[in-house]
Amino acid sequence: MTDMEHKPNGWNLPINQMTKEEWKDYFECRKKYDIKLSEQEIANNTNEAVKFLNDMEQFKKIAIKNPLLPGLAIASKASHGLKAIKDYNLSLAKEVYPDEF
C-alpha cells in the first residue's frame, strides 16, 4: 500500500488506528525504509551491527536497515500494530503480503 487512498489491510482495526498525520508519517517511512537489499548488503549491515552488541541503540539503528522477515513482520503487525513496525524495512514482507503493509 502506498498512500492515504490505499491503506493496508486492517487499517481500521483498533490496533492500527492512526491520525491523518500519523498515516502520512507511516507512508513516508514506507518510502524511506522499504529498500530492497542484496544479500551482500544485508551481510554488510549485519556485520556492522554486530560491532555494537554492547550499544543496543546503535545496534538497532543499523540492524533495522535489513528487511524484516515476512513472518515476523505479519506477526508484529497483528500483535503490535503498524505503528510499532513503521521504522523497519518491510520490503520482503511486502513481496509476500502485498496488501498488509
C-alpha atoms as a PDB file:
ATOM      1  CA  MET A   1       0.000   0.000   0.000  1.00  0.00           C
ATOM      2  CA  THR A   2       1.322   3.366  -0.856  1.00  0.00           C
ATOM      3  CA  ASP A   3      -0.878   6.259   0.192  1.00  0.00           C
ATOM      4  CA  MET A   4      -3.871   7.533   2.136  1.00  0.00           C
ATOM      5  CA  GLU A   5      -6.255   6.235  -0.533  1.00  0.00           C
ATOM      6  CA  HIS A   6      -4.733   2.743  -0.418  1.00  0.00           C
ATOM      7  CA  LYS A   7      -4.186   1.876   3.216  1.00  0.00           C
ATOM      8  CA  PRO A   8      -3.058  -1.628   4.187  1.00  0.00           C
ATOM      9  CA  ASN A   9      -5.460  -4.389   5.156  1.00  0.00           C
ATOM     10  CA  GLY A  10      -6.581  -3.968   8.740  1.00  0.00           C
ATOM     11  CA  TRP A  11      -6.018  -0.215   8.766  1.00  0.00           C
ATOM     12  CA  ASN A  12      -9.363   0.249  10.518  1.00  0.00           C
ATOM     13  CA  LEU A  13      -8.721  -2.229  13.344  1.00  0.00           C
ATOM     14  CA  PRO A  14      -8.254  -0.672  16.791  1.00  0.00           C
ATOM     15  CA  ILE A  15      -4.584  -1.729  16.933  1.00  0.00           C
ATOM     16  CA  ASN A  16      -3.868   0.207  13.713  1.00  0.00           C
ATOM     17  CA  GLN A  17      -5.804   3.405  14.426  1.00  0.00           C
ATOM     18  CA  MET A  18      -3.787   6.459  13.475  1.00  0.00           C
ATOM     19  CA  THR A  19      -4.454  10.121  12.885  1.00  0.00           C
ATOM     20  CA  LYS A  20      -4.116  11.583   9.397  1.00  0.00           C
ATOM     21  CA  GLU A  21      -0.663  12.912  10.356  1.00  0.00           C
ATOM     22  CA  GLU A  22       0.420   9.515  11.685  1.00  0.00           C
ATOM     23  CA  TRP A  23      -0.695   7.884   8.425  1.00  0.00           C
ATOM     24  CA  LYS A  24       1.315  10.431   6.448  1.00  0.00           C
ATOM     25  CA  ASP A  25       4.342   9.624   8.594  1.00  0.00           C
ATOM     26  CA  TYR A  26       3.735   5.881   8.118  1.00  0.00           C
ATOM     27  CA  PHE A  27       3.698   6.210   4.316  1.00  0.00           C
ATOM     28  CA  GLU A  28       6.793   8.422   4.385  1.00  0.00           C
ATOM     29  CA  CYS A  29       8.519   5.684   6.382  1.00  0.00           C
ATOM     30  CA  ARG A  30       7.491   3.125   3.769  1.00  0.00           C
ATOM     31  CA  LYS A  31       9.157   5.232   1.070  1.00  0.00           C
ATOM     32  CA  LYS A  32      12.225   5.835   3.212  1.00  0.00           C
ATOM     33  CA  TYR A  33      12.838   2.396   4.737  1.00  0.00           C
ATOM     34  CA  ASP A  34      11.440  -0.229   2.338  1.00  0.00           C
ATOM     35  CA  ILE A  35      14.581  -0.662   0.288  1.00  0.00           C
ATOM     36  CA  LYS A  36      15.337  -3.967  -1.382  1.00  0.00           C
ATOM     37  CA  LEU A  37      18.872  -5.010  -0.441  1.00  0.00           C
ATOM     38  CA  SER A  38      21.220  -7.574  -1.937  1.00  0.00           C
ATOM     39  CA  GLU A  39      22.440 -10.481   0.165  1.00  0.00           C
ATOM     40  CA  GLN A  40      25.820  -8.749   0.360  1.00  0.00           C
ATOM     41  CA  GLU A  41      24.267  -5.504   1.617  1.00  0.00           C
ATOM     42  CA  ILE A  42      22.336  -7.434   4.261  1.00  0.00           C
ATOM     43  CA  ALA A  43      25.529  -9.236   5.312  1.00  0.00           C
ATOM     44  CA  ASN A  44      27.409  -5.931   5.488  1.00  0.00           C
ATOM     45  CA  ASN A  45      24.693  -4.367   7.663  1.00  0.00           C
ATOM     46  CA  THR A  46      24.668  -7.422   9.920  1.00  0.00           C
ATOM     47  CA  ASN A  47      28.446  -7.406  10.304  1.00  0.00           C
ATOM     48  CA  GLU A  48      28.381  -3.694  11.106  1.00  0.00           C
ATOM     49  CA  ALA A  49      25.547  -4.106  13.623  1.00  0.00           C
ATOM     50  CA  VAL A  50      27.364  -6.911  15.461  1.00  0.00           C
ATOM     51  CA  LYS A  51      30.141  -4.467  16.289  1.00  0.00           C
ATOM     52  CA  PHE A  52      27.623  -2.679  18.539  1.00  0.00           C
ATOM     53  CA  LEU A  53      26.289  -5.553  20.658  1.00  0.00           C
ATOM     54  CA  ASN A  54      27.164  -3.514  23.749  1.00  0.00           C
ATOM     55  CA  ASP A  55      25.245  -0.485  22.439  1.00  0.00           C
ATOM     56  CA  MET A  56      21.723  -1.693  21.690  1.00  0.00           C
ATOM     57  CA  GLU A  57      20.551   1.672  20.386  1.00  0.00           C
ATOM     58  CA  GLN A  58      23.309   1.782  17.769  1.00  0.00           C
ATOM     59  CA  PHE A  59      22.864  -1.945  17.044  1.00  0.00           C
ATOM     60  CA  LYS A  60      19.151  -1.469  16.349  1.00  0.00           C
ATOM     61  CA  LYS A  61      19.785   1.626  14.219  1.00  0.00           C
ATOM     62  CA  ILE A  62      21.906  -0.479  11.856  1.00  0.00           C
ATOM     63  CA  ALA A  63      20.058  -3.796  12.110  1.00  0.00           C
ATOM     64  CA  ILE A  64      16.634  -2.401  11.180  1.00  0.00           C
ATOM     65  CA  LYS A  65      18.025  -1.410   7.798  1.00  0.00           C
ATOM     66  CA  ASN A  66      17.835  -5.106   6.902  1.00  0.00           C
ATOM     67  CA  PRO A  67      14.447  -6.343   5.692  1.00  0.00           C
ATOM     68  CA  LEU A  68      12.225  -7.783   8.398  1.00  0.00           C
ATOM     69  CA  LEU A  69      11.353 -11.414   7.667  1.00  0.00           C
ATOM     70  CA  PRO A  70       7.806 -11.668   6.295  1.00  0.00           C
ATOM     71  CA  GLY A  71       6.519 -13.963   9.064  1.00  0.00           C
ATOM     72  CA  LEU A  72       7.932 -11.725  11.751  1.00  0.00           C
ATOM     73  CA  ALA A  73       6.522  -8.619  10.066  1.00  0.00           C
ATOM     74  CA  ILE A  74       2.978 -10.003   9.795  1.00  0.00           C
ATOM     75  CA  ALA A  75       3.096 -11.328  13.381  1.00  0.00           C
ATOM     76  CA  SER A  76       4.349  -7.959  14.626  1.00  0.00           C
ATOM     77  CA  LYS A  77       1.584  -6.172  12.754  1.00  0.00           C
ATOM     78  CA  ALA A  78      -1.028  -8.486  14.273  1.00  0.00           C
ATOM     79  CA  SER A  79       0.281  -8.214  17.811  1.00  0.00           C
ATOM     80  CA  HIS A  80       1.614  -4.655  17.991  1.00  0.00           C
ATOM     81  CA  GLY A  81       0.074  -2.771  15.064  1.00  0.00           C
ATOM     82  CA  LEU A  82       1.524  -0.907  12.120  1.00  0.00           C
ATOM     83  CA  LYS A  83       2.907   1.950  14.225  1.00  0.00           C
ATOM     84  CA  ALA A  84       5.248  -0.450  16.024  1.00  0.00           C
ATOM     85  CA  ILE A  85       6.945  -1.525  12.783  1.00  0.00           C
ATOM     86  CA  LYS A  86       6.842   1.717  10.828  1.00  0.00           C
ATOM     87  CA  ASP A  87      10.611   2.301  11.139  1.00  0.00           C
ATOM     88  CA  TYR A  88      11.562  -1.148   9.835  1.00  0.00           C
ATOM     89  CA  ASN A  89      12.426  -2.239   6.299  1.00  0.00           C
ATOM     90  CA  LEU A  90       9.344  -4.144   5.155  1.00  0.00           C
ATOM     91  CA  SER A  91      10.475  -4.722   1.568  1.00  0.00           C
ATOM     92  CA  LEU A  92      10.499  -8.547   1.818  1.00  0.00           C
ATOM     93  CA  ALA A  93       7.258  -8.644   3.774  1.00  0.00           C
ATOM     94  CA  LYS A  94       5.546  -6.511   1.135  1.00  0.00           C
ATOM     95  CA  GLU A  95       6.558  -9.056  -1.528  1.00  0.00           C
ATOM     96  CA  VAL A  96       4.891 -11.900   0.394  1.00  0.00           C
ATOM     97  CA  TYR A  97       1.989  -9.869   1.816  1.00  0.00           C
ATOM     98  CA  PRO A  98       1.481  -7.026  -0.690  1.00  0.00           C
ATOM     99  CA  ASP A  99      -1.746  -5.720   0.844  1.00  0.00           C
ATOM    100  CA  GLU A 100      -0.707  -5.869   4.508  1.00  0.00           C
ATOM    101  CA  PHE A 101       1.827  -3.047   4.805  1.00  0.00           C
END
